[in-house]
Amino acid sequence: MAFAHSSWAPRPRFNGVSNQQPIRRTTMVMEKSFSPRRNNPQFESFDSLHDRLGIENLWSSDTPDAFDMRQTSTSDVLVVGDGSPSTKSIMPWDTTTGALGVSLLGRRMRFLRKRQQILAKSYEECRRITELFSKTFFLGTQLLSPEKRRAVWAVYTWCRRTDDIVDGPRVTQRSAALRNQLADWETRLDEIFDGGGRDGLDMALADAVGNYRDMTCTPFRDMIKGMLMDVDQARFDTFDDLYLYCYRVAGTVGLMTLPIMGTVKPGREGLREAMEAALALGIGLQLTNILRDVGEDRLRGRIYLPLEDLHRFNYTEEDLMNCVLDTRYKNLMKFEIARARKYFRKAQKGVHLLAEDSRLPVQASLDMYSQILDVLEENGFDNFNRRAYISKSRKLFTVPMSFLRTRDNPSWKPLLDVAEFVAGSKIYAP
């Protein structure tokens, strides 16, 4: 991987013990089992969403901060000596004086310049990866402030690399080998949240964690669990099973980026209020991906549509593998599309809980992704032979419509109605 620099990892702040190790401040959350759903399967309740996921303790008042790299950065300490165990010591910057101080000042400035150069290259690589693999998501990030968009690129790149462990084009390992690789990846995640890393891309994420103190390791760990589900599971019996998978591989992204986006109400209370909408957005995005990629997943022997839904419409696994596109399948797709749109509507209600400078990119991403469902309908529900995608011109037209949706002033409502009519958007249809 480009920009590999394993020696950059910051040392702990000196407090009288030169070999002090940084304290890992991550939050582990126990998952709760799901109970069978008894209500309408198409429009399941949002009640107790936090309880179902077992993440009710996230950002609670007694949860410690994620590791703050700014408090243990190499910019605050200097190594004196030739590096051998007998001569190496860590000196606080403010204890240096005289000629030694001038020399150390030069070394410190050179180190900071070098680190910033490496960090700039690392973020640029994250930008390139994001743009290459998710053009719609990348376009949404362009509406963020420079600092926020760099942090989101770093998070996306980590997620992309995590997914490639399981679904990369050259993956041929057996389950045991993939499990070992994911276990090492989790160890590497611990290093990142301790302010370290093994290459420049790790460095970018560690820098983002240092800049946004409320980022927690929990959703990152849960995503790795989602990758393990991809290793072991090629079918999902119920929507509850699929929901857990969607949370782990996509809902977690909302929780990863929520501290970066920020909320109107400052602190952890604001994060907790916006958490349910962030989860709903992630679930909606993943359900849309699943519907778009039915044909591609079929070629890999995977069926992500819940088998209980197939049975509800008398459609079989064999029918799906043979690309049978009939009335049964179209009704199944209508059912699944309605479910995905419900999650988008839930997510949209939480946009106004976000910091003002983050609302437009989130709303635009929501609107662009939801239009994939519109295109799927326009294609006659044929996701076996035709890939539903949004043209660049359609994406650009979506941005002003998304802007109008983020306005609180009711005087904008008539203009929004006209824009939605022209676009033919069905997200907010009852």
Protein backbone atom coordinates (compact mmCIF):
# COMPACT_ATOMS: atom_id res chain seq x y z
CA MET A 1 0.00 0.00 0.00
CA ALA A 2 1.24 3.46 -0.88
CA PHE A 3 2.59 5.82 1.75
CA ALA A 4 3.65 3.05 4.14
CA HIS A 5 5.19 4.64 7.23
CA SER A 6 5.01 2.43 10.28
CA SER A 7 7.48 4.48 12.32
CA TRP A 8 5.35 7.59 12.56
CA ALA A 9 3.23 6.33 15.47
CA PRO A 10 3.15 8.90 18.29
CA ARG A 11 4.70 8.15 21.65
CA PRO A 12 2.79 8.59 24.92
CA ARG A 13 2.99 11.90 26.72
CA PHE A 14 5.80 11.97 29.28
CA ASN A 15 4.62 11.90 32.86
CA GLY A 16 7.71 10.68 34.65
CA VAL A 17 7.70 7.16 33.21
CA SER A 18 9.42 6.90 29.85
CA ASN A 19 7.88 3.60 28.83
CA GLN A 20 4.29 4.49 29.63
CA GLN A 21 1.79 2.99 27.20
CA PRO A 22 -1.31 4.87 26.03
CA ILE A 23 -4.57 3.81 27.59
CA ARG A 24 -7.00 2.32 25.12
CA ARG A 25 -10.35 3.98 25.62
CA THR A 26 -12.77 2.06 23.49
CA THR A 27 -16.29 1.05 24.33
CA MET A 28 -17.43 -2.53 23.98
CA VAL A 29 -21.15 -3.08 23.66
CA MET A 30 -22.92 -6.39 24.13
CA GLU A 31 -25.43 -7.34 21.47
CA LYS A 32 -28.89 -8.53 22.35
CA SER A 33 -30.69 -11.28 20.53
CA PHE A 34 -33.60 -10.39 18.31
CA SER A 35 -37.07 -11.65 19.03
CA PRO A 36 -39.34 -12.86 16.21
CA ARG A 37 -41.35 -10.06 14.64
CA ARG A 38 -45.10 -10.32 15.09
CA ASN A 39 -46.30 -7.10 13.51
CA ASN A 40 -46.67 -6.18 9.85
CA PRO A 41 -43.46 -7.49 8.22
CA GLN A 42 -43.44 -4.76 5.61
CA PHE A 43 -43.46 -1.84 8.03
CA GLU A 44 -41.74 -3.10 11.16
CA SER A 45 -41.69 -0.82 14.18
CA PHE A 46 -38.82 1.52 15.00
CA ASP A 47 -39.51 1.16 18.72
CA SER A 48 -36.60 -0.01 20.85
CA LEU A 49 -34.18 0.29 17.94
CA HIS A 50 -31.31 0.89 20.34
CA ASP A 51 -32.32 -2.12 22.42
CA ARG A 52 -32.46 -4.36 19.38
CA LEU A 53 -28.94 -3.39 18.39
CA GLY A 54 -27.59 -3.37 21.93
CA ILE A 55 -25.95 0.02 21.43
CA GLU A 56 -27.91 1.97 24.02
CA ASN A 57 -24.70 2.76 25.91
CA LEU A 58 -23.06 4.51 22.98
CA TRP A 59 -22.14 8.10 23.90
CA SER A 60 -23.70 7.77 27.34
CA SER A 61 -22.44 10.11 30.04
CA ASP A 62 -20.28 7.42 31.66
CA THR A 63 -18.64 6.29 28.42
CA PRO A 64 -14.98 7.41 28.23
CA ASP A 65 -13.71 9.39 25.27
CA ALA A 66 -12.09 7.61 22.38
CA PHE A 67 -8.31 7.84 22.46
CA ASP A 68 -7.36 11.45 21.74
CA MET A 69 -4.20 11.44 19.66
CA ARG A 70 -3.72 15.14 20.28
CA GLN A 71 -2.99 14.38 23.93
CA THR A 72 -0.20 11.91 23.12
CA SER A 73 1.25 13.30 19.93
CA THR A 74 4.90 13.23 18.98
CA SER A 75 4.58 16.96 18.45
CA ASP A 76 4.53 17.27 22.26
CA VAL A 77 7.57 15.09 23.05
CA LEU A 78 11.08 14.71 21.71
CA VAL A 79 13.39 11.72 21.67
CA VAL A 80 16.91 12.43 22.91
CA GLY A 81 19.84 10.05 22.36
CA ASP A 82 20.87 7.64 19.62
CA GLY A 83 17.76 5.51 19.99
CA SER A 84 19.33 2.69 21.99
CA PRO A 85 17.49 1.57 25.15
CA SER A 86 20.28 2.93 27.34
CA THR A 87 20.33 6.44 25.88
CA LYS A 88 16.79 7.03 24.59
CA SER A 89 14.57 9.21 26.73
CA ILE A 90 11.51 11.33 26.16
CA MET A 91 11.69 14.99 27.11
CA PRO A 92 8.75 17.39 27.34
CA TRP A 93 9.19 20.27 24.95
CA ASP A 94 8.99 22.97 27.61
CA THR A 95 11.99 21.62 29.56
CA THR A 96 14.54 22.32 26.82
CA THR A 97 16.76 25.40 27.07
CA GLY A 98 19.75 27.02 25.39
CA ALA A 99 21.57 25.43 22.47
CA LEU A 100 19.89 22.09 23.11
CA GLY A 101 16.54 23.81 22.84
CA VAL A 102 17.44 25.40 19.51
CA SER A 103 18.61 22.04 18.16
CA LEU A 104 15.49 20.26 19.36
CA LEU A 105 13.31 23.02 17.95
CA GLY A 106 14.78 22.41 14.50
CA ARG A 107 14.28 18.67 14.83
CA ARG A 108 10.73 19.18 15.98
CA MET A 109 9.89 21.50 13.09
CA ARG A 110 11.40 19.07 10.55
CA PHE A 111 9.41 16.23 12.08
CA LEU A 112 6.17 18.22 11.93
CA ARG A 113 6.75 19.21 8.31
CA LYS A 114 7.48 15.61 7.34
CA ARG A 115 4.45 14.33 9.20
CA GLN A 116 2.16 16.89 7.57
CA GLN A 117 3.51 15.96 4.13
CA ILE A 118 2.83 12.27 4.75
CA LEU A 119 -0.60 13.06 6.19
CA ALA A 120 -1.53 15.20 3.18
CA LYS A 121 -0.56 12.36 0.81
CA SER A 122 -2.52 9.89 2.93
CA TYR A 123 -5.70 11.98 2.83
CA GLU A 124 -5.28 12.47 -0.91
CA GLU A 125 -5.11 8.70 -1.34
CA CYS A 126 -8.29 8.37 0.77
CA ARG A 127 -9.96 10.92 -1.50
CA ARG A 128 -8.92 8.97 -4.60
CA ILE A 129 -10.24 5.67 -3.19
CA THR A 130 -13.57 7.23 -2.20
CA GLU A 131 -14.06 8.82 -5.61
CA LEU A 132 -13.08 5.62 -7.41
CA PHE A 133 -15.36 3.22 -5.55
CA SER A 134 -18.40 5.36 -4.66
CA LYS A 135 -19.02 8.32 -6.93
CA THR A 136 -22.41 9.10 -5.38
CA PHE A 137 -21.03 9.08 -1.84
CA PHE A 138 -18.00 11.11 -2.96
CA LEU A 139 -20.19 13.78 -4.51
CA GLY A 140 -22.01 14.15 -1.19
CA THR A 141 -18.73 14.60 0.69
CA GLN A 142 -17.78 17.46 -1.63
CA LEU A 143 -20.43 19.53 0.12
CA LEU A 144 -18.68 19.18 3.50
CA SER A 145 -16.03 21.48 4.93
CA PRO A 146 -12.44 20.46 4.01
CA GLU A 147 -11.67 19.08 7.48
CA LYS A 148 -14.88 17.05 7.69
CA ARG A 149 -14.60 15.67 4.18
CA ARG A 150 -11.04 14.46 4.79
CA ALA A 151 -12.15 12.66 7.95
CA VAL A 152 -15.09 11.04 6.13
CA TRP A 153 -12.77 9.94 3.30
CA ALA A 154 -10.52 8.28 5.88
CA VAL A 155 -13.49 6.43 7.41
CA TYR A 156 -14.76 5.34 3.99
CA THR A 157 -11.31 4.07 3.00
CA TRP A 158 -11.08 1.96 6.15
CA CYS A 159 -14.54 0.52 5.41
CA ARG A 160 -13.56 -0.15 1.79
CA ARG A 161 -10.42 -1.98 2.84
CA THR A 162 -12.38 -3.97 5.41
CA ASP A 163 -14.89 -5.04 2.77
CA ASP A 164 -12.11 -5.99 0.33
CA ILE A 165 -10.78 -8.53 2.82
CA VAL A 166 -13.92 -10.59 2.19
CA ASP A 167 -15.19 -9.44 -1.21
CA GLY A 168 -12.01 -8.38 -2.99
CA PRO A 169 -11.60 -9.66 -6.57
CA ARG A 170 -8.62 -11.84 -5.63
CA VAL A 171 -10.04 -13.34 -2.45
CA THR A 172 -9.63 -17.13 -2.59
CA GLN A 173 -8.87 -17.92 1.04
CA ARG A 174 -10.92 -20.35 2.99
CA SER A 175 -12.99 -19.32 5.96
CA ALA A 176 -10.22 -19.96 8.51
CA ALA A 177 -7.73 -17.80 6.61
CA LEU A 178 -10.23 -14.96 6.28
CA ARG A 179 -11.00 -15.16 9.98
CA ASN A 180 -7.31 -14.84 10.80
CA GLN A 181 -6.99 -11.89 8.46
CA LEU A 182 -10.00 -10.16 10.04
CA ALA A 183 -8.60 -10.84 13.52
CA ASP A 184 -5.36 -9.12 12.50
CA TRP A 185 -7.40 -6.28 11.00
CA GLU A 186 -9.13 -5.79 14.37
CA THR A 187 -5.74 -5.67 16.10
CA ARG A 188 -4.71 -3.07 13.57
CA LEU A 189 -7.86 -1.10 14.42
CA ASP A 190 -6.78 -1.04 18.07
CA GLU A 191 -3.45 0.40 16.96
CA ILE A 192 -5.23 3.14 15.02
CA PHE A 193 -7.36 4.12 18.02
CA ASP A 194 -4.17 4.16 20.08
CA GLY A 195 -2.84 6.79 17.68
CA GLY A 196 -0.70 4.41 15.62
CA GLY A 197 -1.00 2.51 12.38
CA ARG A 198 0.94 0.52 9.82
CA ASP A 199 0.64 2.69 6.72
CA GLY A 200 -0.42 6.11 5.54
CA LEU A 201 -4.10 5.19 5.26
CA ASP A 202 -4.10 4.06 8.89
CA MET A 203 -2.41 7.34 9.72
CA ALA A 204 -5.24 9.33 8.11
CA LEU A 205 -7.90 7.54 10.17
CA ALA A 206 -5.84 7.92 13.36
CA ASP A 207 -5.61 11.64 12.66
CA ALA A 208 -9.39 11.82 12.18
CA VAL A 209 -9.95 9.99 15.47
CA GLY A 210 -7.66 12.50 17.14
CA ASN A 211 -9.57 15.43 15.67
CA TYR A 212 -13.04 14.11 16.58
CA ARG A 213 -12.90 12.88 20.15
CA ASP A 214 -16.36 11.30 20.24
CA MET A 215 -15.50 8.75 17.57
CA THR A 216 -15.69 5.33 19.21
CA CYS A 217 -14.24 1.98 18.25
CA THR A 218 -17.55 0.13 18.69
CA PRO A 219 -19.07 0.59 15.20
CA PHE A 220 -15.72 -0.23 13.58
CA ARG A 221 -15.60 -3.51 15.49
CA ASP A 222 -19.21 -4.24 14.57
CA MET A 223 -18.40 -3.79 10.88
CA ILE A 224 -15.68 -6.43 11.17
CA LYS A 225 -18.34 -8.74 12.63
CA GLY A 226 -20.43 -7.98 9.56
CA MET A 227 -17.57 -9.12 7.35
CA LEU A 228 -17.50 -12.39 9.29
CA MET A 229 -21.19 -12.82 8.45
CA ASP A 230 -20.26 -12.54 4.77
CA VAL A 231 -17.74 -15.33 5.29
CA ASP A 232 -20.19 -17.69 6.99
CA GLN A 233 -23.60 -16.75 5.63
CA ALA A 234 -24.90 -16.68 2.05
CA ARG A 235 -28.62 -16.70 2.94
CA PHE A 236 -30.85 -14.80 5.38
CA ASP A 237 -33.99 -16.54 6.59
CA THR A 238 -35.76 -13.49 8.03
CA PHE A 239 -35.57 -9.73 7.84
CA ASP A 240 -34.32 -9.71 11.43
CA ASP A 241 -31.29 -11.66 10.23
CA LEU A 242 -30.78 -9.27 7.33
CA TYR A 243 -31.28 -6.25 9.59
CA LEU A 244 -28.40 -7.33 11.82
CA TYR A 245 -26.20 -7.70 8.75
CA CYS A 246 -27.27 -4.30 7.38
CA TYR A 247 -26.52 -2.66 10.72
CA ARG A 248 -23.07 -4.17 10.89
CA VAL A 249 -21.96 -3.36 7.35
CA ALA A 250 -23.79 -0.04 6.79
CA GLY A 251 -25.60 1.25 9.88
CA THR A 252 -22.22 1.33 11.57
CA VAL A 253 -21.01 3.86 8.98
CA GLY A 254 -23.63 6.31 10.22
CA LEU A 255 -22.32 5.89 13.77
CA MET A 256 -18.71 6.23 12.61
CA THR A 257 -19.35 9.52 10.82
CA LEU A 258 -21.94 11.08 13.15
CA PRO A 259 -19.29 12.65 15.45
CA ILE A 260 -17.66 14.11 12.33
CA MET A 261 -20.91 15.58 11.03
CA GLY A 262 -21.74 17.11 14.39
CA THR A 263 -25.16 17.92 15.84
CA VAL A 264 -27.17 21.02 16.69
CA LYS A 265 -27.17 20.07 20.34
CA PRO A 266 -23.50 19.87 21.35
CA GLY A 267 -21.90 16.91 23.06
CA ARG A 268 -22.98 13.34 23.50
CA GLU A 269 -26.62 14.17 24.16
CA GLY A 270 -26.92 15.50 20.62
CA LEU A 271 -25.21 12.42 19.21
CA ARG A 272 -27.62 10.12 21.01
CA GLU A 273 -30.63 12.05 19.69
CA ALA A 274 -29.39 11.78 16.10
CA MET A 275 -28.23 8.16 16.40
CA GLU A 276 -31.50 6.51 15.38
CA ALA A 277 -31.76 8.56 12.18
CA ALA A 278 -28.11 7.82 11.36
CA LEU A 279 -28.80 4.12 11.74
CA ALA A 280 -31.91 4.35 9.55
CA LEU A 281 -29.90 6.02 6.80
CA GLY A 282 -27.30 3.26 6.88
CA ILE A 283 -29.98 0.56 6.76
CA GLY A 284 -31.72 2.29 3.85
CA LEU A 285 -28.48 2.61 1.90
CA GLN A 286 -27.62 -1.06 2.36
CA LEU A 287 -31.10 -2.26 1.41
CA THR A 288 -30.79 -0.16 -1.74
CA ASN A 289 -27.40 -1.70 -2.52
CA ILE A 290 -28.88 -5.17 -2.07
CA LEU A 291 -31.76 -4.45 -4.45
CA ARG A 292 -29.44 -2.90 -7.03
CA ASP A 293 -26.97 -5.81 -6.90
CA VAL A 294 -29.29 -8.85 -6.91
CA GLY A 295 -27.93 -9.99 -10.28
CA GLU A 296 -24.27 -9.58 -9.30
CA ASP A 297 -24.74 -11.32 -5.95
CA ARG A 298 -26.50 -14.20 -7.71
CA LEU A 299 -23.33 -14.87 -9.71
CA ARG A 300 -21.43 -15.26 -6.42
CA GLY A 301 -24.03 -17.66 -5.05
CA ARG A 302 -25.40 -15.12 -2.57
CA ILE A 303 -29.02 -14.18 -1.91
CA TYR A 304 -29.43 -11.25 0.46
CA LEU A 305 -33.20 -10.95 0.06
CA PRO A 306 -34.84 -12.58 3.11
CA LEU A 307 -36.07 -16.06 2.24
CA GLU A 308 -39.28 -15.40 4.16
CA ASP A 309 -40.01 -12.61 1.67
CA LEU A 310 -39.42 -14.92 -1.29
CA HIS A 311 -41.81 -17.45 0.21
CA ARG A 312 -44.41 -14.73 0.81
CA PHE A 313 -44.60 -14.18 -2.95
CA ASN A 314 -44.20 -17.87 -3.90
CA TYR A 315 -40.82 -17.13 -5.44
CA THR A 316 -38.04 -19.68 -4.99
CA GLU A 317 -34.26 -19.56 -4.75
CA GLU A 318 -34.11 -21.53 -7.98
CA ASP A 319 -36.26 -18.89 -9.68
CA LEU A 320 -33.85 -16.19 -8.57
CA MET A 321 -30.78 -18.12 -9.71
CA ASN A 322 -32.46 -18.57 -13.11
CA CYS A 323 -33.31 -14.84 -13.34
CA VAL A 324 -37.06 -15.41 -13.54
CA LEU A 325 -38.57 -11.94 -13.98
CA ASP A 326 -42.32 -12.35 -13.65
CA THR A 327 -45.22 -10.86 -11.71
CA ARG A 328 -44.16 -12.65 -8.52
CA TYR A 329 -40.70 -11.12 -8.66
CA LYS A 330 -42.01 -7.65 -9.49
CA ASN A 331 -44.34 -7.77 -6.50
CA LEU A 332 -41.41 -8.89 -4.35
CA MET A 333 -39.36 -5.93 -5.56
CA LYS A 334 -42.22 -3.51 -4.84
CA PHE A 335 -42.35 -4.88 -1.31
CA GLU A 336 -38.60 -4.48 -0.76
CA ILE A 337 -38.49 -0.99 -2.30
CA ALA A 338 -41.29 0.18 0.01
CA ARG A 339 -39.29 -1.06 2.98
CA ALA A 340 -36.12 0.76 1.89
CA ARG A 341 -38.03 4.01 1.33
CA LYS A 342 -39.46 3.79 4.82
CA TYR A 343 -35.94 3.83 6.25
CA PHE A 344 -35.02 6.81 4.07
CA ARG A 345 -38.04 8.72 5.39
CA LYS A 346 -36.99 7.92 8.94
CA ALA A 347 -33.47 9.13 8.20
CA GLN A 348 -34.71 12.34 6.61
CA LYS A 349 -36.50 13.33 9.81
CA GLY A 350 -33.14 13.41 11.59
CA VAL A 351 -31.32 15.67 9.12
CA HIS A 352 -32.26 18.79 11.10
CA LEU A 353 -30.59 17.33 14.18
CA LEU A 354 -27.22 17.63 12.42
CA ALA A 355 -24.92 20.63 12.46
CA GLU A 356 -26.02 23.11 9.80
CA ASP A 357 -22.93 22.66 7.62
CA SER A 358 -23.51 18.88 7.49
CA ARG A 359 -27.18 18.81 6.55
CA LEU A 360 -26.86 19.36 2.80
CA PRO A 361 -24.30 16.58 2.11
CA VAL A 362 -26.28 14.07 4.18
CA GLN A 363 -29.58 15.07 2.57
CA ALA A 364 -28.02 14.97 -0.91
CA SER A 365 -26.56 11.50 -0.33
CA LEU A 366 -29.94 10.31 0.95
CA ASP A 367 -31.78 11.74 -2.06
CA MET A 368 -29.30 10.43 -4.63
CA TYR A 369 -29.30 6.92 -3.23
CA SER A 370 -33.07 6.82 -2.95
CA GLN A 371 -33.33 7.67 -6.64
CA ILE A 372 -31.67 4.33 -7.38
CA LEU A 373 -34.95 2.81 -6.25
CA ASP A 374 -36.79 5.06 -8.72
CA VAL A 375 -34.52 3.87 -11.54
CA LEU A 376 -35.07 0.25 -10.53
CA GLU A 377 -38.80 0.81 -10.99
CA GLU A 378 -38.19 2.57 -14.30
CA ASN A 379 -36.19 -0.48 -15.44
CA GLY A 380 -39.20 -2.70 -14.87
CA PHE A 381 -37.61 -4.17 -11.70
CA ASP A 382 -35.00 -5.91 -13.87
CA ASN A 383 -31.92 -6.00 -11.64
CA PHE A 384 -30.70 -9.21 -13.27
CA ASN A 385 -29.65 -7.68 -16.58
CA ARG A 386 -29.70 -3.91 -15.95
CA ARG A 387 -27.85 -2.01 -13.25
CA ALA A 388 -29.80 0.86 -11.71
CA TYR A 389 -27.62 3.94 -11.56
CA ILE A 390 -28.05 7.71 -11.43
CA SER A 391 -26.66 9.85 -14.23
CA LYS A 392 -24.33 12.70 -13.36
CA SER A 393 -26.81 15.31 -14.62
CA ARG A 394 -29.54 13.82 -12.44
CA LYS A 395 -27.23 13.94 -9.43
CA LEU A 396 -26.43 17.59 -10.07
CA PHE A 397 -30.13 18.43 -10.31
CA THR A 398 -30.69 16.66 -6.99
CA VAL A 399 -28.38 18.99 -5.04
CA PRO A 400 -30.60 22.12 -5.18
CA MET A 401 -33.64 20.00 -4.33
CA SER A 402 -31.75 18.61 -1.34
CA PHE A 403 -30.82 22.15 -0.34
CA LEU A 404 -34.50 23.13 -0.27
CA ARG A 405 -35.28 20.14 1.96
CA THR A 406 -32.76 21.33 4.54
CA ARG A 407 -34.45 24.74 4.88
CA ASP A 408 -36.66 25.33 7.91
CA ASN A 409 -38.46 28.28 6.32
CA PRO A 410 -41.93 27.17 5.07
CA SER A 411 -41.76 29.79 2.31
CA TRP A 412 -39.47 27.39 0.43
CA LYS A 413 -42.15 24.67 0.37
CA PRO A 414 -43.85 25.62 -2.96
CA LEU A 415 -40.51 25.67 -4.75
CA LEU A 416 -39.62 22.29 -3.24
CA ASP A 417 -42.93 20.82 -4.40
CA VAL A 418 -42.21 21.93 -7.96
CA ALA A 419 -38.67 20.50 -7.84
CA GLU A 420 -39.91 17.16 -6.52
CA PHE A 421 -42.60 17.01 -9.19
CA VAL A 422 -40.05 17.67 -11.94
CA ALA A 423 -37.66 15.10 -10.50
CA GLY A 424 -40.43 12.56 -10.00
CA SER A 425 -39.04 11.69 -6.57
CA LYS A 426 -40.99 9.05 -4.65
CA ILE A 427 -39.05 9.02 -1.38
CA TYR A 428 -41.56 10.99 0.59
CA ALA A 429 -44.72 9.63 -0.97
CA PRO A 430 -47.08 8.32 1.71
